Amino acid sequence: MQIPELYKIYQQYPSIQTDTRQIKEGDLFFALKGPNFNGNLFAKQALAAGAAYAIVDEEMDEMDERIILVQDVLKTLQNLAHQHRRQFLLSNADKLVPFIAITGSNGKTTSKELVHAVLSTTFRTYTTEGNLNNHIGIPLTILKIKPDAEIAVIEMGANHQKEIEGYCIYTMPTHGVITNCGKAHLEGFGGEEGIRKGKGELFDYLRLHHGTAFIMSDYDYLKDMSRGISNIISYGTHDATVTGEVKNSADLLEVEISSGSDIGLVKTKLVGEYNLPNILLAVTIGKYFDVPDAKIKSALENYTPSNSRSQLLEKDGNKIILDAYNANPTSMKAAIDNFAKMEGTDKVLILGGMMELGPESIHEHQALVELINNYSWKNVVLVGGDFNKTTHPYLYFENAGLAKDWFKAQHFNLTNILIKGSRSTQMEKVLE
């Protein structure tokens, strides 16, 4: 079946599922497969559960008229998303619907959430749900965008070169952000230069298609990467369209917007000075799309982080920073430095290992140990990853479950605690 024909079916049944456990009446089931699963085996189960059609790429013993055979289910899903994306090129009374793509090594999900919060005060805005920012999540996000959309915000994650380039083909962004280029996914990108090249594929697309880039002007490498783009809007601590600075980070982050807006002081519910660029980006995009200052301020101050991202929790008389959704050398250093500067004397570090660092992994873990050595802590606990291959005087546990047992036995009170690690270490389990 050709994509235009399938798109007509999608228009009739615009809800897509890839998991039979989530099937609702009238869904389209896409039978994706990978190294450890094969959705084709569940196509008939999906139909029995109420799916209108099942899209498969393997012959069934008994073909049903509701089973659509294609060459590659994943490629079909992406092509269908491209077809849907094209519908917004000239919609809403011939006004282009902006598609804002956000990528980067750190801060892209928080930035996406803040930008969405600001834009949603004024526009019908669709965005990536949670962390669905890969080759499956991005087309699913696009296909959830309804005809009433006025703006879309799409998060793009990547761990190797040419990945962002591929996403741009069917996302067709009109605006883009690279939050930063830090030490993340070193293994897949092939080093820091590879990271800049890979993330820079978003700017390559914008340059070629006369798009708009929002850049953090404090980072000279982003200025270099964005050269030649038709329209560049800057934000930063100085010499930018929108500028601001940290006024207080002893507890929750407070940011003063000094130019480009009359918002003034923004009292956020985020932890850490490293969130300053994310706040400035949201203000900048809000101003660019003429969102009133009062709405920008309200959206930023009412945004509450979740999903183990820069969360400040209070438990058993302790203040706990839970930032356990992801970790790499750049974000780890920022979190540790920020925590060290925060008020309080009794401070406990509980850090999980960092993944996808390739040959640099042991070196980067040892560098974190050296950073930790520069400060005074009540306790330091290292968990999993290549921390077991470093030289250090601290407690070490193989997994978060063992760290949890230790944590519960301490009966901490009036203590400040930072919990951070890569997703696979599941450091949030320490608090269970």
Protein backbone atom coordinates (compact mmCIF):
# COMPACT_ATOMS: atom_id res chain seq x y z
CA MET A 1 0.00 0.00 0.00
CA GLN A 2 1.28 3.46 -0.90
CA ILE A 3 1.61 6.21 1.72
CA PRO A 4 -1.20 8.43 0.28
CA GLU A 5 -3.61 5.49 0.58
CA LEU A 6 -2.46 4.69 4.10
CA TYR A 7 -2.76 8.35 5.02
CA LYS A 8 -6.45 8.30 4.09
CA ILE A 9 -6.90 5.40 6.52
CA TYR A 10 -4.95 7.30 9.17
CA GLN A 11 -7.22 10.32 8.72
CA GLN A 12 -10.15 8.06 9.52
CA TYR A 13 -8.35 6.34 12.41
CA PRO A 14 -5.80 8.91 13.70
CA SER A 15 -4.77 7.09 16.89
CA ILE A 16 -1.63 4.96 16.58
CA GLN A 17 -0.32 2.29 18.91
CA THR A 18 2.80 0.14 18.86
CA ASP A 19 1.95 -1.82 22.03
CA THR A 20 -1.01 -4.20 22.04
CA ARG A 21 -1.44 -3.60 25.78
CA GLN A 22 -2.45 -0.02 24.99
CA ILE A 23 -4.86 -0.77 22.13
CA LYS A 24 -8.19 1.05 22.10
CA GLU A 25 -11.11 0.65 19.75
CA GLY A 26 -10.27 2.12 16.33
CA ASP A 27 -6.49 2.37 16.79
CA LEU A 28 -3.97 1.66 14.05
CA PHE A 29 -1.42 -0.91 15.22
CA PHE A 30 2.09 -0.62 13.79
CA ALA A 31 3.94 -3.91 14.27
CA LEU A 32 7.41 -2.61 15.00
CA LYS A 33 10.23 -5.03 15.64
CA GLY A 34 13.70 -4.94 17.12
CA PRO A 35 16.44 -7.22 18.45
CA ASN A 36 14.26 -8.49 21.30
CA PHE A 37 10.69 -8.11 20.04
CA ASN A 38 8.58 -8.64 16.93
CA GLY A 39 5.28 -6.79 16.75
CA ASN A 40 4.20 -8.89 13.76
CA LEU A 41 3.53 -11.75 16.16
CA PHE A 42 0.89 -9.65 17.91
CA ALA A 43 -0.97 -8.24 14.88
CA LYS A 44 -3.99 -10.52 15.25
CA GLN A 45 -4.06 -9.88 18.98
CA ALA A 46 -4.20 -6.15 18.25
CA LEU A 47 -7.14 -6.63 15.89
CA ALA A 48 -8.94 -8.76 18.46
CA ALA A 49 -8.42 -5.98 21.01
CA GLY A 50 -10.17 -3.46 18.75
CA ALA A 51 -7.56 -2.13 16.36
CA ALA A 52 -9.05 -1.01 13.05
CA TYR A 53 -5.97 -2.11 11.09
CA ALA A 54 -2.61 -3.71 11.74
CA ILE A 55 0.38 -2.64 9.66
CA VAL A 56 2.91 -5.49 9.36
CA ASP A 57 5.99 -6.36 7.32
CA GLU A 58 5.78 -10.16 7.58
CA GLU A 59 3.27 -12.46 5.93
CA MET A 60 0.62 -13.89 8.26
CA ASP A 61 -0.65 -17.48 8.08
CA GLU A 62 -4.11 -16.10 7.50
CA MET A 63 -4.19 -12.63 6.02
CA ASP A 64 -7.12 -10.49 7.13
CA GLU A 65 -8.37 -7.52 5.08
CA ARG A 66 -7.55 -5.43 8.14
CA ILE A 67 -3.90 -6.46 7.93
CA ILE A 68 -1.82 -4.12 5.75
CA LEU A 69 1.44 -5.61 4.51
CA VAL A 70 4.30 -3.16 3.90
CA GLN A 71 8.00 -3.58 3.21
CA ASP A 72 9.20 -1.99 6.47
CA VAL A 73 6.85 -0.97 9.30
CA LEU A 74 9.25 1.55 10.87
CA LYS A 75 10.01 3.24 7.56
CA THR A 76 6.28 3.32 6.81
CA LEU A 77 5.59 4.97 10.17
CA GLN A 78 8.21 7.62 9.42
CA ASN A 79 6.93 8.21 5.89
CA LEU A 80 3.38 8.52 7.21
CA ALA A 81 4.62 11.13 9.70
CA HIS A 82 6.24 13.00 6.82
CA GLN A 83 2.96 12.96 4.89
CA HIS A 84 1.15 14.30 7.95
CA ARG A 85 3.79 16.96 8.57
CA ARG A 86 3.32 18.27 5.02
CA GLN A 87 -0.33 19.03 5.78
CA PHE A 88 0.81 21.87 8.05
CA LEU A 89 2.90 23.65 5.45
CA LEU A 90 -0.04 25.76 4.33
CA SER A 91 -2.78 25.46 6.91
CA ASN A 92 -4.56 27.81 9.29
CA ALA A 93 -5.57 30.27 6.58
CA ASP A 94 -2.32 29.89 4.64
CA LYS A 95 -0.21 30.66 7.70
CA LEU A 96 2.71 28.33 8.21
CA VAL A 97 2.61 26.29 11.41
CA PRO A 98 6.04 26.65 13.06
CA PHE A 99 7.75 23.37 13.93
CA ILE A 100 10.45 24.03 16.55
CA ALA A 101 13.08 21.28 16.89
CA ILE A 102 15.14 21.09 20.08
CA THR A 103 18.26 18.96 20.44
CA GLY A 104 21.47 19.10 22.49
CA SER A 105 23.58 17.12 24.92
CA ASN A 106 21.90 18.45 28.07
CA GLY A 107 18.71 20.28 28.96
CA LYS A 108 16.68 19.50 25.85
CA THR A 109 13.74 17.90 27.67
CA THR A 110 13.53 20.62 30.31
CA SER A 111 13.86 23.27 27.57
CA LYS A 112 11.12 21.57 25.56
CA GLU A 113 8.81 21.50 28.57
CA LEU A 114 9.44 25.16 29.42
CA VAL A 115 9.00 26.31 25.81
CA HIS A 116 5.77 24.31 25.57
CA ALA A 117 4.50 25.81 28.85
CA VAL A 118 5.13 29.34 27.57
CA LEU A 119 3.70 28.86 24.07
CA SER A 120 0.64 26.99 25.35
CA THR A 121 -0.53 30.12 27.13
CA THR A 122 -1.25 31.71 23.76
CA PHE A 123 -1.25 29.02 21.05
CA ARG A 124 -2.61 25.54 20.46
CA THR A 125 0.74 23.85 20.98
CA TYR A 126 1.69 20.20 20.53
CA THR A 127 4.91 18.71 21.81
CA THR A 128 6.88 15.54 22.45
CA GLU A 129 5.39 13.51 25.29
CA GLY A 130 7.92 12.60 27.96
CA ASN A 131 11.16 11.51 26.35
CA LEU A 132 9.80 10.09 23.05
CA ASN A 133 12.59 11.74 21.11
CA ASN A 134 13.98 8.94 18.91
CA HIS A 135 13.32 7.31 15.53
CA ILE A 136 10.05 5.89 16.85
CA GLY A 137 8.97 8.61 19.26
CA ILE A 138 9.39 11.52 16.85
CA PRO A 139 7.09 10.16 14.10
CA LEU A 140 4.57 9.15 16.78
CA THR A 141 4.71 12.71 18.14
CA ILE A 142 4.11 14.19 14.68
CA LEU A 143 1.19 11.86 14.06
CA LYS A 144 -0.46 13.02 17.29
CA ILE A 145 -0.56 16.62 16.08
CA LYS A 146 -4.14 17.57 15.21
CA PRO A 147 -5.31 19.92 12.44
CA ASP A 148 -5.94 22.70 14.96
CA ALA A 149 -2.20 23.00 15.71
CA GLU A 150 -0.72 26.50 15.76
CA ILE A 151 2.80 25.51 16.89
CA ALA A 152 4.65 22.21 17.42
CA VAL A 153 7.71 21.64 19.61
CA ILE A 154 9.67 18.50 18.77
CA GLU A 155 12.50 17.12 20.90
CA MET A 156 15.25 15.24 19.05
CA GLY A 157 17.62 12.92 20.87
CA ALA A 158 20.56 11.30 19.11
CA ASN A 159 23.57 9.11 19.88
CA HIS A 160 25.26 8.95 16.47
CA GLN A 161 25.87 11.07 13.40
CA LYS A 162 23.26 11.33 10.61
CA GLU A 163 20.47 10.67 13.15
CA ILE A 164 19.31 14.29 13.46
CA GLU A 165 19.62 14.64 9.70
CA GLY A 166 17.18 11.76 9.29
CA TYR A 167 14.72 13.25 11.78
CA CYS A 168 14.73 16.56 9.92
CA ILE A 169 13.57 14.84 6.72
CA TYR A 170 10.15 14.05 8.13
CA THR A 171 9.94 16.72 10.86
CA MET A 172 10.83 19.57 8.48
CA PRO A 173 11.61 22.07 11.28
CA THR A 174 11.15 25.77 10.60
CA HIS A 175 12.94 26.77 13.83
CA GLY A 176 15.61 25.03 15.83
CA VAL A 177 17.62 24.99 19.05
CA ILE A 178 20.83 23.21 20.00
CA THR A 179 20.90 23.67 23.77
CA ASN A 180 24.60 22.78 24.01
CA CYS A 181 27.18 20.24 22.87
CA GLY A 182 28.63 18.44 25.89
CA LYS A 183 30.17 15.06 26.59
CA ALA A 184 27.21 12.79 25.93
CA HIS A 185 27.11 9.63 23.79
CA LEU A 186 30.83 9.95 23.11
CA GLU A 187 30.91 6.33 21.99
CA GLY A 188 28.32 6.73 19.23
CA PHE A 189 29.38 10.18 18.03
CA GLY A 190 33.10 9.43 18.05
CA GLY A 191 34.26 12.19 20.40
CA GLU A 192 33.38 15.81 21.07
CA GLU A 193 33.89 16.98 17.48
CA GLY A 194 31.57 14.21 16.37
CA ILE A 195 28.96 15.45 18.83
CA ARG A 196 29.05 18.95 17.35
CA LYS A 197 28.83 17.57 13.85
CA GLY A 198 25.91 15.32 14.76
CA LYS A 199 23.92 17.94 16.68
CA GLY A 200 24.85 20.49 13.99
CA GLU A 201 22.81 18.54 11.45
CA LEU A 202 19.79 20.49 12.75
CA PHE A 203 21.49 23.78 11.90
CA ASP A 204 22.54 22.35 8.52
CA TYR A 205 18.86 21.75 7.74
CA LEU A 206 17.81 25.23 8.89
CA ARG A 207 20.60 26.80 6.86
CA LEU A 208 19.50 24.98 3.72
CA HIS A 209 15.79 25.71 4.23
CA HIS A 210 16.03 29.35 5.38
CA GLY A 211 14.97 28.57 8.92
CA THR A 212 15.42 30.34 12.25
CA ALA A 213 17.89 29.32 14.97
CA PHE A 214 17.81 30.27 18.64
CA ILE A 215 21.31 30.17 20.11
CA MET A 216 22.89 30.61 23.52
CA SER A 217 25.33 33.43 22.76
CA ASP A 218 27.60 32.56 25.69
CA TYR A 219 28.69 29.45 23.78
CA ASP A 220 31.07 30.56 21.02
CA TYR A 221 30.86 27.17 19.32
CA LEU A 222 27.12 27.66 18.74
CA LYS A 223 27.86 30.97 17.04
CA ASP A 224 30.27 29.15 14.73
CA MET A 225 27.85 26.27 14.11
CA SER A 226 24.99 28.64 13.22
CA ARG A 227 26.85 30.78 10.69
CA GLY A 228 24.95 31.16 7.43
CA ILE A 229 21.49 30.56 8.91
CA SER A 230 19.05 33.18 7.60
CA ASN A 231 17.62 34.25 10.94
CA ILE A 232 19.43 33.94 14.28
CA ILE A 233 17.89 34.97 17.60
CA SER A 234 20.23 34.98 20.59
CA TYR A 235 19.86 34.60 24.34
CA GLY A 236 22.49 34.62 27.05
CA THR A 237 24.02 36.52 29.95
CA HIS A 238 25.23 39.39 27.75
CA ASP A 239 25.23 40.67 24.16
CA ALA A 240 22.01 38.88 23.16
CA THR A 241 18.41 39.58 22.16
CA VAL A 242 17.29 38.38 25.59
CA THR A 243 19.69 38.46 28.54
CA GLY A 244 19.42 37.36 32.13
CA GLU A 245 21.35 36.16 35.13
CA VAL A 246 20.99 33.97 38.18
CA LYS A 247 19.84 36.01 41.19
CA ASN A 248 19.53 33.13 43.63
CA SER A 249 20.21 29.39 43.50
CA ALA A 250 20.56 28.61 47.19
CA ASP A 251 17.33 26.64 47.01
CA LEU A 252 15.10 27.01 43.96
CA LEU A 253 16.46 28.91 40.98
CA GLU A 254 15.60 32.59 40.57
CA VAL A 255 16.47 34.36 37.32
CA GLU A 256 16.47 38.09 36.57
CA ILE A 257 15.67 38.98 32.95
CA SER A 258 17.80 42.05 32.29
CA SER A 259 16.99 42.90 28.65
CA GLY A 260 14.68 41.87 25.84
CA SER A 261 11.69 41.59 28.14
CA ASP A 262 10.07 43.39 31.06
CA ILE A 263 9.45 40.16 32.98
CA GLY A 264 11.97 40.99 35.69
CA LEU A 265 12.52 38.33 38.36
CA VAL A 266 11.36 34.78 37.62
CA LYS A 267 11.04 32.49 40.65
CA THR A 268 11.15 28.98 39.25
CA LYS A 269 10.55 25.56 40.78
CA LEU A 270 13.76 24.26 39.22
CA VAL A 271 17.02 23.44 40.96
CA GLY A 272 20.42 24.46 39.67
CA GLU A 273 22.15 27.36 37.92
CA TYR A 274 22.57 25.06 34.92
CA ASN A 275 18.89 25.67 34.16
CA LEU A 276 19.54 29.35 33.41
CA PRO A 277 19.93 28.77 29.62
CA ASN A 278 16.69 26.75 29.58
CA ILE A 279 14.78 29.61 31.22
CA LEU A 280 16.32 32.20 28.89
CA LEU A 281 15.45 30.08 25.85
CA ALA A 282 11.80 29.84 26.89
CA VAL A 283 11.63 33.60 27.41
CA THR A 284 13.28 34.22 24.05
CA ILE A 285 10.95 31.94 22.11
CA GLY A 286 7.96 33.37 23.94
CA LYS A 287 8.99 36.93 22.99
CA TYR A 288 9.71 35.88 19.41
CA PHE A 289 6.15 34.59 19.06
CA ASP A 290 4.66 37.64 20.84
CA VAL A 291 3.54 35.87 24.00
CA PRO A 292 2.75 38.59 26.58
CA ASP A 293 5.36 39.04 29.32
CA ALA A 294 2.87 38.30 32.08
CA LYS A 295 1.99 34.94 30.52
CA ILE A 296 5.66 34.02 30.03
CA LYS A 297 6.43 34.80 33.67
CA SER A 298 3.41 32.89 34.95
CA ALA A 299 4.16 29.83 32.80
CA LEU A 300 7.77 29.66 33.97
CA GLU A 301 6.93 30.15 37.64
CA ASN A 302 4.15 27.56 37.57
CA TYR A 303 6.16 24.88 35.75
CA THR A 304 6.90 21.98 38.09
CA PRO A 305 9.60 19.50 37.03
CA SER A 306 8.77 15.80 37.13
CA ASN A 307 10.14 12.47 35.98
CA SER A 308 13.30 12.74 38.12
CA ARG A 309 14.54 15.91 36.39
CA SER A 310 15.92 18.66 38.64
CA GLN A 311 13.29 17.88 41.25
CA LEU A 312 13.61 19.28 44.76
CA LEU A 313 11.98 16.89 47.21
CA GLU A 314 11.57 17.01 50.97
CA LYS A 315 11.54 13.67 52.74
CA ASP A 316 12.10 12.78 56.39
CA GLY A 317 13.36 16.29 57.08
CA ASN A 318 15.90 16.15 54.25
CA LYS A 319 16.16 18.19 51.07
CA ILE A 320 16.77 15.90 48.12
CA ILE A 321 17.69 16.90 44.58
CA LEU A 322 16.57 14.07 42.33
CA ASP A 323 18.10 14.42 38.87
CA ALA A 324 18.24 10.80 37.86
CA TYR A 325 16.80 10.77 34.36
CA ASN A 326 20.14 11.02 32.61
CA ALA A 327 23.80 11.81 33.18
CA ASN A 328 26.96 12.50 31.23
CA PRO A 329 30.26 14.15 32.18
CA THR A 330 29.01 17.66 31.40
CA SER A 331 25.71 17.41 33.29
CA MET A 332 27.36 15.57 36.20
CA LYS A 333 29.97 18.32 36.64
CA ALA A 334 27.32 21.03 36.51
CA ALA A 335 25.16 19.25 39.08
CA ILE A 336 28.05 18.59 41.48
CA ASP A 337 29.42 22.14 41.25
CA ASN A 338 25.95 23.59 41.73
CA PHE A 339 25.22 21.33 44.72
CA ALA A 340 28.54 22.25 46.33
CA LYS A 341 27.64 25.96 46.13
CA MET A 342 24.16 25.53 47.62
CA GLU A 343 23.50 26.43 51.23
CA GLY A 344 23.95 23.78 53.90
CA THR A 345 26.82 21.82 55.42
CA ASP A 346 25.62 18.22 55.67
CA LYS A 347 25.71 17.17 52.01
CA VAL A 348 25.50 13.67 50.61
CA LEU A 349 26.32 12.68 47.03
CA ILE A 350 24.78 9.52 45.59
CA LEU A 351 25.94 9.19 41.98
CA GLY A 352 25.21 6.50 39.42
CA GLY A 353 27.53 5.54 36.59
CA MET A 354 27.49 7.21 33.16
CA MET A 355 26.85 5.18 30.02
CA GLU A 356 27.73 5.31 26.30
CA LEU A 357 31.12 6.95 26.82
CA GLY A 358 33.15 4.34 24.94
CA PRO A 359 36.93 4.29 25.44
CA GLU A 360 36.72 7.54 27.45
CA SER A 361 34.46 6.03 30.10
CA ILE A 362 37.01 5.18 32.80
CA HIS A 363 38.83 8.48 32.27
CA GLU A 364 35.58 10.47 32.58
CA HIS A 365 34.51 8.60 35.71
CA GLN A 366 37.93 9.21 37.27
CA ALA A 367 37.68 12.91 36.34
CA LEU A 368 34.40 13.08 38.29
CA VAL A 369 36.10 11.47 41.27
CA GLU A 370 38.78 14.17 41.12
CA LEU A 371 36.07 16.83 41.00
CA ILE A 372 34.33 15.31 44.02
CA ASN A 373 37.66 15.35 45.88
CA ASN A 374 37.72 19.16 45.62
CA TYR A 375 34.79 19.54 47.99
CA SER A 376 33.87 18.46 51.50
CA TRP A 377 30.96 16.01 51.81
CA LYS A 378 29.24 14.20 54.63
CA ASN A 379 29.06 11.06 52.49
CA VAL A 380 29.75 10.09 48.90
CA VAL A 381 28.25 6.97 47.37
CA LEU A 382 29.13 5.79 43.86
CA VAL A 383 26.90 3.28 42.10
CA GLY A 384 27.55 1.01 39.13
CA GLY A 385 29.03 1.82 35.75
CA ASP A 386 32.77 2.36 35.54
CA PHE A 387 33.03 3.86 39.01
CA ASN A 388 34.21 0.39 40.05
CA LYS A 389 37.30 0.89 37.85
CA THR A 390 38.31 4.19 39.40
CA THR A 391 40.55 4.99 42.35
CA HIS A 392 38.57 6.64 45.13
CA PRO A 393 38.04 6.56 48.93
CA TYR A 394 34.23 6.48 48.75
CA LEU A 395 31.50 3.92 49.26
CA TYR A 396 30.70 1.88 46.14
CA PHE A 397 27.67 -0.30 45.37
CA GLU A 398 27.03 -2.34 42.25
CA ASN A 399 23.44 -1.17 41.86
CA ALA A 400 20.81 1.26 43.12
CA GLY A 401 19.08 -1.45 45.16
CA LEU A 402 22.14 -1.91 47.36
CA ALA A 403 22.54 1.87 47.62
CA LYS A 404 18.91 2.06 48.75
CA ASP A 405 19.58 -0.41 51.58
CA TRP A 406 22.51 1.70 52.74
CA PHE A 407 20.49 4.91 52.45
CA LYS A 408 17.61 3.59 54.54
CA ALA A 409 20.01 2.46 57.25
CA GLN A 410 21.49 5.96 57.67
CA HIS A 411 18.30 7.63 58.95
CA PHE A 412 19.43 11.00 57.61
CA ASN A 413 17.82 14.13 59.02
CA LEU A 414 18.30 17.79 58.07
CA THR A 415 20.63 16.62 55.31
CA ASN A 416 21.02 17.84 51.73
CA ILE A 417 21.24 15.01 49.20
CA LEU A 418 21.97 14.92 45.48
CA ILE A 419 20.95 11.78 43.57
CA LYS A 420 22.02 11.64 39.93
CA GLY A 421 22.94 9.01 37.34
CA SER A 422 22.29 7.63 33.88
CA ARG A 423 18.83 6.27 33.16
CA SER A 424 19.99 2.65 33.16
CA THR A 425 21.25 2.90 36.74
CA GLN A 426 17.71 3.79 37.92
CA MET A 427 18.95 5.94 40.77
CA GLU A 428 15.41 6.94 41.75
CA LYS A 429 15.17 3.48 43.36
CA VAL A 430 17.31 4.80 46.21
CA LEU A 431 14.24 6.67 47.46
CA GLU A 432 11.77 3.82 47.14
